[in-house]
């Protein structure tokens, strides 16, 4: 998939005037970029603005960037530089936490594209809630009875539901890329993304409930 939108372009270093290969820090003199905390997470880690990213790709970029943004690396500099290091390092860590989780990455990219947040739209696909209410009742019954085998079965069903929803989310990002020239289709696709991501969040909550009984056994 090609980049969706255009990420921020690295600027010249304010200390050595060389073009910065990465947004947060100059790879030549290791001077931190004060503007780094104001760019999107994809640009911050030097990643393409797209959903289809591997965990290895994200981690590699994070490690490369964080190496010279960690506060310990700037411990001998003046107080202002140390405070900047704290802010930039916190932003880099936030970016990594968000982008390494596919659902969080999808939700973040969705909002970058102009889609609604979960606070603005709590809708889910048609028929989804009825299925989940039934699953929730079955989980409650299994926990009450201490039925570990049934909890395992329900967890497997929910995991399949989760994985299917995430595959659909990935597909919707592809559809959005194809329909980017058509505003109406693009808007509908973004709305569908939000519904499926809301469903993913619901399924994850139920998955966590299948773990409670097994943890207490």
N, C-alpha and C. Protein backbone atom coordinates (compact mmCIF):
# COMPACT_ATOMS: atom_id res chain seq x y z
N UNK A 1 0.84 -1.19 0.00
CA UNK A 1 0.00 0.00 0.00
C UNK A 1 0.88 1.24 0.00
N UNK A 2 0.50 2.25 -0.77
CA UNK A 2 1.23 3.49 -0.77
C UNK A 2 0.88 4.31 0.46
N UNK A 3 1.69 5.32 0.75
CA UNK A 3 1.40 6.20 1.87
C UNK A 3 0.05 6.86 1.68
N UNK A 4 -0.72 6.99 2.75
CA UNK A 4 -1.98 7.71 2.72
C UNK A 4 -1.71 9.09 3.29
N UNK A 5 -1.70 10.10 2.46
CA UNK A 5 -1.35 11.43 2.94
C UNK A 5 0.16 11.61 2.93
N UNK A 6 0.60 12.80 3.24
CA UNK A 6 2.02 13.09 3.21
C UNK A 6 2.54 13.40 4.62
N UNK A 7 3.47 12.59 5.14
CA UNK A 7 4.03 12.86 6.46
C UNK A 7 4.94 14.07 6.43
N UNK A 8 5.27 14.57 7.61
CA UNK A 8 6.16 15.73 7.70
C UNK A 8 7.53 15.40 7.13
N UNK A 9 8.14 16.38 6.49
CA UNK A 9 9.45 16.19 5.88
C UNK A 9 10.53 16.64 6.86
N UNK A 10 11.55 15.83 7.10
CA UNK A 10 12.64 16.25 8.00
C UNK A 10 13.23 17.58 7.58
N UNK A 11 13.61 18.39 8.56
CA UNK A 11 14.16 19.71 8.28
C UNK A 11 15.68 19.70 8.46
N UNK A 12 16.26 20.85 8.26
CA UNK A 12 17.69 20.98 8.50
C UNK A 12 17.95 21.14 9.99
N UNK A 13 19.07 20.61 10.43
CA UNK A 13 19.45 20.70 11.83
C UNK A 13 19.75 22.16 12.18
N UNK A 14 19.23 22.61 13.31
CA UNK A 14 19.44 24.00 13.72
C UNK A 14 20.85 24.25 14.24
N UNK A 15 21.58 23.18 14.50
CA UNK A 15 22.96 23.35 14.99
C UNK A 15 23.98 23.26 13.86
N UNK A 16 23.92 22.18 13.04
CA UNK A 16 24.96 21.97 12.02
C UNK A 16 24.46 22.27 10.59
N UNK A 17 23.18 22.59 10.45
CA UNK A 17 22.58 22.98 9.17
C UNK A 17 22.58 21.85 8.14
N UNK A 18 22.75 20.62 8.60
CA UNK A 18 22.67 19.48 7.68
C UNK A 18 21.23 18.98 7.63
N UNK A 19 20.87 18.38 6.50
CA UNK A 19 19.52 17.83 6.36
C UNK A 19 19.38 16.64 7.29
N UNK A 20 18.32 16.64 8.10
CA UNK A 20 18.09 15.58 9.06
C UNK A 20 17.42 14.39 8.39
N UNK A 21 17.99 13.22 8.55
CA UNK A 21 17.40 12.02 7.97
C UNK A 21 16.15 11.60 8.73
N UNK A 22 16.11 11.90 10.02
CA UNK A 22 14.95 11.60 10.86
C UNK A 22 14.48 12.87 11.54
N UNK A 23 13.20 12.93 11.87
CA UNK A 23 12.63 14.14 12.45
C UNK A 23 13.15 14.45 13.85
N UNK A 24 13.25 13.48 14.78
CA UNK A 24 13.58 13.84 16.17
C UNK A 24 14.99 14.31 16.43
N UNK A 25 15.97 13.76 15.71
CA UNK A 25 17.35 14.04 16.07
C UNK A 25 18.24 14.03 14.83
N UNK A 26 19.22 14.90 14.83
CA UNK A 26 20.18 14.97 13.72
C UNK A 26 21.10 13.75 13.79
N UNK A 27 21.20 13.00 12.72
CA UNK A 27 22.03 11.80 12.73
C UNK A 27 23.51 12.13 12.60
N UNK A 28 23.83 13.42 12.37
CA UNK A 28 25.24 13.82 12.25
C UNK A 28 25.78 14.34 13.59
N UNK A 29 25.09 15.32 14.20
CA UNK A 29 25.60 15.91 15.45
C UNK A 29 24.75 15.53 16.66
N UNK A 30 23.66 14.78 16.43
CA UNK A 30 22.79 14.29 17.49
C UNK A 30 22.05 15.39 18.23
N UNK A 31 21.85 16.52 17.57
CA UNK A 31 21.09 17.62 18.16
C UNK A 31 19.60 17.33 18.03
N UNK A 32 18.85 17.53 19.12
CA UNK A 32 17.42 17.23 19.10
C UNK A 32 16.64 18.33 18.39
N UNK A 33 15.58 17.92 17.71
CA UNK A 33 14.73 18.84 16.97
C UNK A 33 13.55 19.26 17.85
N UNK A 34 13.45 20.52 18.26
CA UNK A 34 12.35 20.96 19.12
C UNK A 34 10.98 20.76 18.49
N UNK A 35 10.92 20.72 17.15
CA UNK A 35 9.64 20.56 16.46
C UNK A 35 9.17 19.11 16.43
N UNK A 36 10.00 18.20 16.93
CA UNK A 36 9.67 16.77 16.83
C UNK A 36 8.38 16.40 17.55
N UNK A 37 8.10 17.08 18.66
CA UNK A 37 6.91 16.73 19.44
C UNK A 37 5.62 17.17 18.76
N UNK A 38 5.74 17.92 17.68
CA UNK A 38 4.54 18.41 17.01
C UNK A 38 4.18 17.67 15.73
N UNK A 39 4.91 16.62 15.40
CA UNK A 39 4.62 15.89 14.16
C UNK A 39 3.84 14.61 14.49
N UNK A 40 3.26 14.02 13.47
CA UNK A 40 2.49 12.79 13.71
C UNK A 40 3.43 11.62 14.02
N UNK A 41 2.87 10.57 14.59
CA UNK A 41 3.68 9.45 15.07
C UNK A 41 4.42 8.74 13.95
N UNK A 42 3.83 8.65 12.79
CA UNK A 42 4.51 7.98 11.67
C UNK A 42 5.76 8.77 11.28
N UNK A 43 5.60 10.08 11.15
CA UNK A 43 6.75 10.92 10.80
C UNK A 43 7.81 10.90 11.88
N UNK A 44 7.37 10.86 13.14
CA UNK A 44 8.29 10.88 14.26
C UNK A 44 9.24 9.68 14.22
N UNK A 45 8.71 8.52 13.83
CA UNK A 45 9.55 7.32 13.76
C UNK A 45 10.12 7.07 12.37
N UNK A 46 9.81 7.96 11.43
CA UNK A 46 10.32 7.78 10.08
C UNK A 46 9.68 6.63 9.35
N UNK A 47 8.39 6.41 9.60
CA UNK A 47 7.65 5.30 8.97
C UNK A 47 6.68 5.84 7.94
N UNK A 48 6.38 5.05 6.92
CA UNK A 48 5.36 5.48 5.96
C UNK A 48 4.00 5.56 6.62
N UNK A 49 3.20 6.52 6.23
CA UNK A 49 1.88 6.72 6.83
C UNK A 49 0.90 5.73 6.20
N UNK A 50 0.89 4.52 6.73
CA UNK A 50 0.04 3.45 6.22
C UNK A 50 -0.23 2.45 7.33
N UNK A 51 -1.29 1.66 7.16
CA UNK A 51 -1.63 0.67 8.17
C UNK A 51 -0.74 -0.56 8.07
N UNK A 52 -0.40 -0.93 6.86
CA UNK A 52 0.33 -2.17 6.62
C UNK A 52 1.80 -2.02 6.99
N UNK A 53 2.09 -2.19 8.29
CA UNK A 53 3.46 -2.14 8.80
C UNK A 53 3.69 -3.36 9.68
N UNK A 54 4.89 -3.94 9.61
CA UNK A 54 5.19 -5.10 10.43
C UNK A 54 5.71 -4.66 11.79
N UNK A 55 5.54 -5.53 12.78
CA UNK A 55 6.05 -5.25 14.13
C UNK A 55 7.56 -5.06 14.09
N UNK A 56 8.25 -5.84 13.28
CA UNK A 56 9.71 -5.74 13.18
C UNK A 56 10.12 -4.39 12.59
N UNK A 57 9.38 -3.93 11.61
CA UNK A 57 9.67 -2.64 10.98
C UNK A 57 9.50 -1.49 11.97
N UNK A 58 8.44 -1.54 12.74
CA UNK A 58 8.16 -0.49 13.72
C UNK A 58 9.21 -0.50 14.83
N UNK A 59 9.53 -1.69 15.33
CA UNK A 59 10.51 -1.79 16.41
C UNK A 59 11.88 -1.33 15.97
N UNK A 60 12.27 -1.69 14.76
CA UNK A 60 13.58 -1.29 14.25
C UNK A 60 13.69 0.23 14.17
N UNK A 61 12.65 0.88 13.69
CA UNK A 61 12.65 2.34 13.59
C UNK A 61 12.69 2.97 14.98
N UNK A 62 11.91 2.41 15.89
CA UNK A 62 11.87 2.93 17.26
C UNK A 62 13.25 2.85 17.91
N UNK A 63 13.91 1.71 17.79
CA UNK A 63 15.23 1.54 18.40
C UNK A 63 16.26 2.49 17.79
N UNK A 64 16.16 2.69 16.48
CA UNK A 64 17.11 3.58 15.81
C UNK A 64 16.93 5.02 16.27
N UNK A 65 15.68 5.43 16.44
CA UNK A 65 15.40 6.81 16.85
C UNK A 65 15.67 7.01 18.34
N UNK A 66 15.21 6.08 19.16
CA UNK A 66 15.31 6.25 20.61
C UNK A 66 16.75 6.20 21.11
N UNK A 67 17.62 5.60 20.32
CA UNK A 67 19.03 5.51 20.73
C UNK A 67 19.61 6.86 21.07
N UNK A 68 19.27 7.89 20.27
CA UNK A 68 19.86 9.21 20.49
C UNK A 68 18.85 10.23 21.03
N UNK A 69 17.63 9.78 21.36
CA UNK A 69 16.67 10.69 21.97
C UNK A 69 16.48 10.41 23.46
N UNK A 70 17.01 9.28 23.94
CA UNK A 70 16.84 8.93 25.35
C UNK A 70 17.51 10.00 26.23
N UNK A 71 16.85 10.40 27.31
CA UNK A 71 17.41 11.44 28.21
C UNK A 71 18.82 11.13 28.70
N UNK A 72 19.14 9.86 28.92
CA UNK A 72 20.49 9.51 29.40
C UNK A 72 21.57 9.94 28.41
N UNK A 73 21.22 9.95 27.13
CA UNK A 73 22.19 10.33 26.10
C UNK A 73 22.53 11.82 26.20
N UNK A 74 21.61 12.59 26.80
CA UNK A 74 21.79 14.05 26.88
C UNK A 74 21.98 14.51 28.33
N UNK A 75 22.42 13.61 29.19
CA UNK A 75 22.52 13.92 30.62
C UNK A 75 23.58 14.97 30.95
N UNK A 76 24.54 15.19 30.06
CA UNK A 76 25.60 16.15 30.33
C UNK A 76 25.35 17.50 29.68
N UNK A 77 24.19 17.65 29.04
CA UNK A 77 23.89 18.91 28.39
C UNK A 77 23.21 19.87 29.36
N UNK A 78 22.92 21.07 28.91
CA UNK A 78 22.31 22.08 29.78
C UNK A 78 20.88 21.68 30.13
N UNK A 79 20.30 22.28 31.18
CA UNK A 79 18.95 21.90 31.63
C UNK A 79 17.88 21.99 30.54
N UNK A 80 17.97 23.01 29.69
CA UNK A 80 16.98 23.15 28.63
C UNK A 80 17.04 21.96 27.67
N UNK A 81 18.24 21.55 27.32
CA UNK A 81 18.42 20.41 26.41
C UNK A 81 17.94 19.11 27.07
N UNK A 82 18.16 18.99 28.37
CA UNK A 82 17.70 17.80 29.08
C UNK A 82 16.18 17.74 29.12
N UNK A 83 15.54 18.88 29.32
CA UNK A 83 14.08 18.92 29.32
C UNK A 83 13.53 18.59 27.93
N UNK A 84 14.20 19.10 26.90
CA UNK A 84 13.78 18.79 25.53
C UNK A 84 13.92 17.30 25.27
N UNK A 85 14.99 16.70 25.77
CA UNK A 85 15.19 15.27 25.60
C UNK A 85 14.06 14.48 26.25
N UNK A 86 13.62 14.92 27.42
CA UNK A 86 12.51 14.26 28.10
C UNK A 86 11.24 14.33 27.25
N UNK A 87 10.97 15.49 26.67
CA UNK A 87 9.75 15.65 25.87
C UNK A 87 9.82 14.84 24.59
N UNK A 88 10.96 14.90 23.91
CA UNK A 88 11.09 14.16 22.65
C UNK A 88 11.05 12.65 22.91
N UNK A 89 11.75 12.21 23.94
CA UNK A 89 11.76 10.78 24.27
C UNK A 89 10.36 10.29 24.62
N UNK A 90 9.59 11.10 25.37
CA UNK A 90 8.22 10.72 25.71
C UNK A 90 7.36 10.61 24.46
N UNK A 91 7.54 11.54 23.52
CA UNK A 91 6.78 11.49 22.28
C UNK A 91 7.13 10.25 21.46
N UNK A 92 8.41 9.92 21.41
CA UNK A 92 8.87 8.72 20.68
C UNK A 92 8.28 7.46 21.31
N UNK A 93 8.27 7.40 22.64
CA UNK A 93 7.70 6.23 23.32
C UNK A 93 6.20 6.13 23.08
N UNK A 94 5.50 7.26 23.11
CA UNK A 94 4.07 7.26 22.82
C UNK A 94 3.79 6.77 21.40
N UNK A 95 4.63 7.22 20.48
CA UNK A 95 4.46 6.80 19.08
C UNK A 95 4.64 5.29 18.95
N UNK A 96 5.65 4.77 19.62
CA UNK A 96 5.90 3.33 19.54
C UNK A 96 4.76 2.52 20.14
N UNK A 97 4.28 2.94 21.32
CA UNK A 97 3.18 2.22 21.97
C UNK A 97 1.93 2.21 21.09
N UNK A 98 1.69 3.31 20.42
CA UNK A 98 0.50 3.41 19.57
C UNK A 98 0.64 2.60 18.29
N UNK A 99 1.76 2.74 17.61
CA UNK A 99 1.90 2.13 16.29
C UNK A 99 2.18 0.64 16.33
N UNK A 100 2.73 0.13 17.45
CA UNK A 100 3.03 -1.31 17.49
C UNK A 100 1.77 -2.15 17.66
N UNK A 101 0.69 -1.56 18.17
CA UNK A 101 -0.59 -2.26 18.34
C UNK A 101 -1.42 -2.00 17.08
N UNK A 102 -1.71 -3.03 16.28
CA UNK A 102 -2.42 -2.80 15.03
C UNK A 102 -3.74 -2.04 15.17
N UNK A 103 -4.52 -2.34 16.22
CA UNK A 103 -5.79 -1.65 16.40
C UNK A 103 -5.57 -0.18 16.75
N UNK A 104 -4.61 0.09 17.63
CA UNK A 104 -4.30 1.48 17.99
C UNK A 104 -3.73 2.23 16.79
N UNK A 105 -2.90 1.53 16.01
CA UNK A 105 -2.34 2.15 14.80
C UNK A 105 -3.45 2.51 13.81
N UNK A 106 -4.39 1.60 13.65
CA UNK A 106 -5.50 1.85 12.74
C UNK A 106 -6.35 3.02 13.21
N UNK A 107 -6.63 3.07 14.51
CA UNK A 107 -7.44 4.16 15.05
C UNK A 107 -6.72 5.50 14.89
N UNK A 108 -5.41 5.50 15.12
CA UNK A 108 -4.63 6.73 14.98
C UNK A 108 -4.61 7.20 13.53
N UNK A 109 -4.38 6.27 12.61
CA UNK A 109 -4.34 6.62 11.20
C UNK A 109 -5.72 7.08 10.73
N UNK A 110 -6.76 6.42 11.23
CA UNK A 110 -8.13 6.81 10.87
C UNK A 110 -8.37 8.28 11.19
N UNK A 111 -7.96 8.72 12.37
CA UNK A 111 -8.18 10.11 12.75
C UNK A 111 -7.28 11.05 11.95
N UNK A 112 -6.09 10.61 11.59
CA UNK A 112 -5.24 11.43 10.72
C UNK A 112 -5.91 11.68 9.38
N UNK A 113 -6.67 10.70 8.93
CA UNK A 113 -7.34 10.81 7.64
C UNK A 113 -8.65 11.59 7.72
N UNK A 114 -9.01 12.01 8.93
CA UNK A 114 -10.24 12.80 9.08
C UNK A 114 -11.42 12.00 9.59
N UNK A 115 -11.18 10.74 9.95
CA UNK A 115 -12.26 9.91 10.49
C UNK A 115 -12.60 10.30 11.92
N UNK A 116 -13.74 9.85 12.40
CA UNK A 116 -14.19 10.19 13.74
C UNK A 116 -13.48 9.35 14.79
N UNK A 117 -13.35 9.93 15.98
CA UNK A 117 -12.80 9.20 17.12
C UNK A 117 -13.88 8.33 17.72
N UNK A 118 -13.49 7.45 18.64
CA UNK A 118 -14.48 6.60 19.30
C UNK A 118 -15.43 7.43 20.15
N UNK A 119 -14.97 8.56 20.66
CA UNK A 119 -15.85 9.43 21.44
C UNK A 119 -16.92 10.05 20.56
N UNK A 120 -16.62 10.25 19.30
CA UNK A 120 -17.56 10.88 18.37
C UNK A 120 -18.50 9.87 17.71
N UNK A 121 -18.09 8.63 17.62
CA UNK A 121 -18.89 7.60 16.95
C UNK A 121 -18.66 6.26 17.62
N UNK A 122 -19.66 5.78 18.33
CA UNK A 122 -19.56 4.50 19.06
C UNK A 122 -20.30 3.38 18.34
N UNK A 123 -20.65 3.58 17.10
CA UNK A 123 -21.42 2.58 16.35
C UNK A 123 -20.58 1.35 16.03
N UNK A 124 -21.24 0.22 15.79
CA UNK A 124 -20.60 -1.04 15.43
C UNK A 124 -21.35 -1.64 14.25
N UNK A 125 -20.78 -2.64 13.59
CA UNK A 125 -21.47 -3.28 12.47
C UNK A 125 -22.82 -3.85 12.90
N UNK A 126 -23.76 -3.89 11.97
CA UNK A 126 -25.11 -4.37 12.25
C UNK A 126 -25.08 -5.83 12.73
N UNK A 127 -25.80 -6.10 13.78
CA UNK A 127 -25.89 -7.46 14.32
C UNK A 127 -24.77 -7.82 15.28
N UNK A 128 -23.76 -6.98 15.38
CA UNK A 128 -22.59 -7.31 16.20
C UNK A 128 -22.93 -7.36 17.68
N UNK A 129 -23.67 -6.37 18.18
CA UNK A 129 -23.93 -6.29 19.61
C UNK A 129 -24.74 -7.48 20.12
N UNK A 130 -25.68 -7.94 19.32
CA UNK A 130 -26.49 -9.09 19.74
C UNK A 130 -25.60 -10.32 19.94
N UNK A 131 -24.67 -10.52 19.02
CA UNK A 131 -23.74 -11.65 19.13
C UNK A 131 -22.85 -11.50 20.36
N UNK A 132 -22.35 -10.30 20.59
CA UNK A 132 -21.46 -10.09 21.72
C UNK A 132 -22.18 -10.21 23.06
N UNK A 133 -23.44 -9.81 23.12
CA UNK A 133 -24.21 -9.96 24.36
C UNK A 133 -24.39 -11.43 24.70
N UNK A 134 -24.62 -12.23 23.68
CA UNK A 134 -24.74 -13.66 23.89
C UNK A 134 -23.42 -14.25 24.38
N UNK A 135 -22.31 -13.81 23.77
CA UNK A 135 -21.00 -14.28 24.18
C UNK A 135 -20.70 -13.87 25.62
N UNK A 136 -21.10 -12.67 25.98
CA UNK A 136 -20.85 -12.18 27.34
C UNK A 136 -21.59 -13.03 28.37
N UNK A 137 -22.82 -13.41 28.05
CA UNK A 137 -23.58 -14.27 28.95
C UNK A 137 -22.92 -15.64 29.08
N UNK A 138 -22.42 -16.17 27.98
CA UNK A 138 -21.75 -17.47 28.01
C UNK A 138 -20.46 -17.41 28.83
N UNK A 139 -19.74 -16.29 28.73
CA UNK A 139 -18.52 -16.12 29.52
C UNK A 139 -18.86 -16.06 31.00
N UNK A 140 -19.91 -15.31 31.34
CA UNK A 140 -20.31 -15.19 32.74
C UNK A 140 -20.70 -16.55 33.31
N UNK A 141 -21.42 -17.34 32.52
CA UNK A 141 -21.83 -18.67 32.98
C UNK A 141 -20.61 -19.57 33.19
N UNK A 142 -19.66 -19.51 32.25
CA UNK A 142 -18.47 -20.35 32.34
C UNK A 142 -17.60 -19.95 33.53
N UNK A 143 -17.49 -18.68 33.78
CA UNK A 143 -16.71 -18.21 34.93
C UNK A 143 -17.38 -18.64 36.24
N UNK A 144 -18.69 -18.49 36.28
CA UNK A 144 -19.42 -18.86 37.48
C UNK A 144 -19.28 -20.35 37.79
N UNK A 145 -19.26 -21.16 36.74
CA UNK A 145 -19.15 -22.61 36.91
C UNK A 145 -17.71 -23.08 37.03
N UNK A 146 -16.77 -22.16 36.83
CA UNK A 146 -15.35 -22.56 36.86
C UNK A 146 -14.99 -23.49 35.73
N UNK A 147 -15.65 -23.31 34.58
CA UNK A 147 -15.47 -24.20 33.42
C UNK A 147 -14.34 -23.67 32.54
N UNK A 148 -13.12 -24.11 32.81
CA UNK A 148 -11.95 -23.64 32.07
C UNK A 148 -12.00 -24.04 30.60
N UNK A 149 -12.51 -25.25 30.33
CA UNK A 149 -12.58 -25.72 28.94
C UNK A 149 -13.51 -24.84 28.12
N UNK A 150 -14.64 -24.44 28.72
CA UNK A 150 -15.58 -23.58 28.02
C UNK A 150 -15.00 -22.19 27.81
N UNK A 151 -14.25 -21.70 28.80
CA UNK A 151 -13.59 -20.41 28.63
C UNK A 151 -12.56 -20.46 27.50
N UNK A 152 -11.86 -21.57 27.40
CA UNK A 152 -10.91 -21.75 26.30
C UNK A 152 -11.63 -21.71 24.95
N UNK A 153 -12.77 -22.38 24.90
CA UNK A 153 -13.54 -22.41 23.64
C UNK A 153 -14.02 -21.02 23.28
N UNK A 154 -14.56 -20.31 24.26
CA UNK A 154 -15.07 -18.96 24.00
C UNK A 154 -13.94 -18.01 23.61
N UNK A 155 -12.79 -18.20 24.24
CA UNK A 155 -11.64 -17.36 23.89
C UNK A 155 -11.22 -17.60 22.44
N UNK A 156 -11.23 -18.85 22.02
CA UNK A 156 -10.86 -19.17 20.64
C UNK A 156 -11.85 -18.54 19.65
N UNK A 157 -13.13 -18.58 19.99
CA UNK A 157 -14.16 -18.00 19.13
C UNK A 157 -13.97 -16.48 19.03
N UNK A 158 -13.74 -15.86 20.19
CA UNK A 158 -13.53 -14.41 20.21
C UNK A 158 -12.26 -14.00 19.46
N UNK A 159 -11.22 -14.82 19.59
CA UNK A 159 -9.97 -14.50 18.89
C UNK A 159 -10.17 -14.57 17.37
N UNK A 160 -10.95 -15.52 16.92
CA UNK A 160 -11.27 -15.60 15.50
C UNK A 160 -12.06 -14.36 15.07
N UNK A 161 -13.01 -13.94 15.93
CA UNK A 161 -13.79 -12.75 15.64
C UNK A 161 -12.88 -11.53 15.55
N UNK A 162 -11.96 -11.41 16.51
CA UNK A 162 -11.02 -10.30 16.54
C UNK A 162 -10.16 -10.27 15.28
N UNK A 163 -9.59 -11.42 14.93
CA UNK A 163 -8.71 -11.49 13.77
C UNK A 163 -9.46 -11.17 12.48
N UNK A 164 -10.71 -11.62 12.40
CA UNK A 164 -11.51 -11.33 11.22
C UNK A 164 -11.81 -9.84 11.09
N UNK A 165 -12.11 -9.21 12.21
CA UNK A 165 -12.36 -7.77 12.21
C UNK A 165 -11.11 -6.99 11.78
N UNK A 166 -9.94 -7.42 12.27
CA UNK A 166 -8.72 -6.72 11.91
C UNK A 166 -8.37 -6.92 10.44
N UNK A 167 -8.67 -8.09 9.91
CA UNK A 167 -8.46 -8.29 8.46
C UNK A 167 -9.37 -7.36 7.67
N UNK A 168 -10.59 -7.17 8.16
CA UNK A 168 -11.52 -6.27 7.48
C UNK A 168 -11.02 -4.83 7.56
N UNK A 169 -10.48 -4.44 8.71
CA UNK A 169 -9.92 -3.10 8.85
C UNK A 169 -8.78 -2.89 7.85
N UNK A 170 -7.90 -3.88 7.74
CA UNK A 170 -6.80 -3.78 6.77
C UNK A 170 -7.34 -3.62 5.36
N UNK A 171 -8.39 -4.39 5.04
CA UNK A 171 -9.00 -4.29 3.72
C UNK A 171 -9.61 -2.92 3.47
N UNK A 172 -10.20 -2.34 4.51
CA UNK A 172 -10.82 -1.02 4.36
C UNK A 172 -9.79 0.07 4.09
N UNK A 173 -8.61 -0.06 4.68
CA UNK A 173 -7.55 0.91 4.37
C UNK A 173 -7.15 0.80 2.89
N UNK A 174 -7.13 -0.43 2.37
CA UNK A 174 -6.85 -0.60 0.95
C UNK A 174 -7.94 0.01 0.09
N UNK A 175 -9.20 -0.18 0.49
CA UNK A 175 -10.32 0.40 -0.24
C UNK A 175 -10.28 1.93 -0.20
N UNK A 176 -9.88 2.46 0.95
CA UNK A 176 -9.79 3.92 1.06
C UNK A 176 -8.73 4.47 0.11
N UNK A 177 -7.61 3.78 0.04
CA UNK A 177 -6.55 4.21 -0.88
C UNK A 177 -7.05 4.21 -2.32
N UNK A 178 -7.81 3.19 -2.68
CA UNK A 178 -8.32 3.10 -4.05
C UNK A 178 -9.37 4.16 -4.35
N UNK A 179 -10.12 4.57 -3.31
CA UNK A 179 -11.22 5.50 -3.51
C UNK A 179 -10.90 6.90 -3.04
N UNK A 180 -9.62 7.21 -2.84
CA UNK A 180 -9.25 8.49 -2.25
C UNK A 180 -9.71 9.67 -3.09
N UNK A 181 -9.90 9.48 -4.39
CA UNK A 181 -10.33 10.57 -5.25
C UNK A 181 -11.82 10.85 -5.13
N UNK A 182 -12.57 9.90 -4.54
CA UNK A 182 -14.02 10.06 -4.40
C UNK A 182 -14.33 10.34 -2.94
N UNK A 183 -14.70 11.56 -2.64
CA UNK A 183 -14.90 11.96 -1.25
C UNK A 183 -16.02 11.18 -0.58
N UNK A 184 -17.12 10.95 -1.30
CA UNK A 184 -18.27 10.25 -0.71
C UNK A 184 -17.90 8.83 -0.31
N UNK A 185 -17.22 8.12 -1.22
CA UNK A 185 -16.81 6.75 -0.92
C UNK A 185 -15.79 6.74 0.21
N UNK A 186 -14.86 7.70 0.16
CA UNK A 186 -13.85 7.78 1.21
C UNK A 186 -14.47 7.99 2.58
N UNK A 187 -15.47 8.86 2.66
CA UNK A 187 -16.14 9.12 3.93
C UNK A 187 -16.84 7.87 4.45
N UNK A 188 -17.51 7.16 3.56
CA UNK A 188 -18.20 5.93 3.96
C UNK A 188 -17.19 4.88 4.45
N UNK A 189 -16.05 4.81 3.79
CA UNK A 189 -15.03 3.84 4.18
C UNK A 189 -14.46 4.17 5.56
N UNK A 190 -14.23 5.44 5.83
CA UNK A 190 -13.74 5.86 7.14
C UNK A 190 -14.76 5.52 8.23
N UNK A 191 -16.03 5.71 7.92
CA UNK A 191 -17.08 5.38 8.89
C UNK A 191 -17.11 3.88 9.17
N UNK A 192 -16.93 3.10 8.13
CA UNK A 192 -16.90 1.65 8.30
C UNK A 192 -15.69 1.22 9.12
N UNK A 193 -14.55 1.88 8.90
CA UNK A 193 -13.35 1.60 9.71
C UNK A 193 -13.65 1.82 11.19
N UNK A 194 -14.30 2.96 11.50
CA UNK A 194 -14.59 3.27 12.89
C UNK A 194 -15.50 2.21 13.51
N UNK A 195 -16.52 1.77 12.78
CA UNK A 195 -17.42 0.74 13.30
C UNK A 195 -16.67 -0.54 13.60
N UNK A 196 -15.78 -0.94 12.72
CA UNK A 196 -15.04 -2.18 12.92
C UNK A 196 -14.02 -2.05 14.05
N UNK A 197 -13.42 -0.89 14.19
CA UNK A 197 -12.48 -0.69 15.29
C UNK A 197 -13.20 -0.65 16.64
N UNK A 198 -14.40 -0.08 16.66
CA UNK A 198 -15.20 -0.13 17.88
C UNK A 198 -15.52 -1.57 18.25
N UNK A 199 -15.80 -2.38 17.23
CA UNK A 199 -16.09 -3.79 17.46
C UNK A 199 -14.85 -4.51 17.99
N UNK A 200 -13.69 -4.18 17.46
CA UNK A 200 -12.44 -4.78 17.94
C UNK A 200 -12.25 -4.48 19.42
N UNK A 201 -12.50 -3.24 19.81
CA UNK A 201 -12.36 -2.86 21.22
C UNK A 201 -13.31 -3.66 22.09
N UNK A 202 -14.52 -3.88 21.63
CA UNK A 202 -15.51 -4.65 22.39
C UNK A 202 -15.05 -6.09 22.54
N UNK A 203 -14.56 -6.68 21.46
CA UNK A 203 -14.10 -8.06 21.51
C UNK A 203 -12.91 -8.20 22.45
N UNK A 204 -12.00 -7.24 22.43
CA UNK A 204 -10.84 -7.30 23.33
C UNK A 204 -11.26 -7.27 24.79
N UNK A 205 -12.30 -6.51 25.11
CA UNK A 205 -12.79 -6.49 26.49
C UNK A 205 -13.33 -7.86 26.90
N UNK A 206 -14.05 -8.51 25.98
CA UNK A 206 -14.56 -9.84 26.29
C UNK A 206 -13.43 -10.85 26.40
N UNK A 207 -12.42 -10.71 25.56
CA UNK A 207 -11.26 -11.60 25.65
C UNK A 207 -10.58 -11.49 27.01
N UNK A 208 -10.50 -10.28 27.52
CA UNK A 208 -9.88 -10.10 28.84
C UNK A 208 -10.70 -10.78 29.93
N UNK A 209 -12.00 -10.88 29.74
CA UNK A 209 -12.85 -11.55 30.72
C UNK A 209 -12.64 -13.07 30.71
N UNK A 210 -12.24 -13.62 29.60
CA UNK A 210 -11.97 -15.05 29.57
C UNK A 210 -10.68 -15.38 30.30
N UNK A 211 -9.82 -14.37 30.52
CA UNK A 211 -8.56 -14.58 31.24
C UNK A 211 -8.72 -14.53 32.75
N UNK A 212 -9.74 -13.84 33.22
CA UNK A 212 -9.89 -13.61 34.66
C UNK A 212 -10.01 -14.91 35.42
N UNK A 213 -10.89 -15.81 34.95
CA UNK A 213 -11.12 -17.06 35.65
C UNK A 213 -9.86 -17.90 35.70
N UNK A 214 -9.14 -17.94 34.58
CA UNK A 214 -7.95 -18.80 34.52
C UNK A 214 -6.84 -18.25 35.41
N UNK A 215 -6.78 -16.94 35.55
CA UNK A 215 -5.76 -16.32 36.40
C UNK A 215 -6.00 -16.65 37.87
N UNK A 216 -7.28 -16.77 38.26
CA UNK A 216 -7.62 -16.99 39.66
C UNK A 216 -7.70 -18.45 40.04
N UNK A 217 -7.52 -19.33 39.09
CA UNK A 217 -7.62 -20.76 39.40
C UNK A 217 -6.40 -21.21 40.20
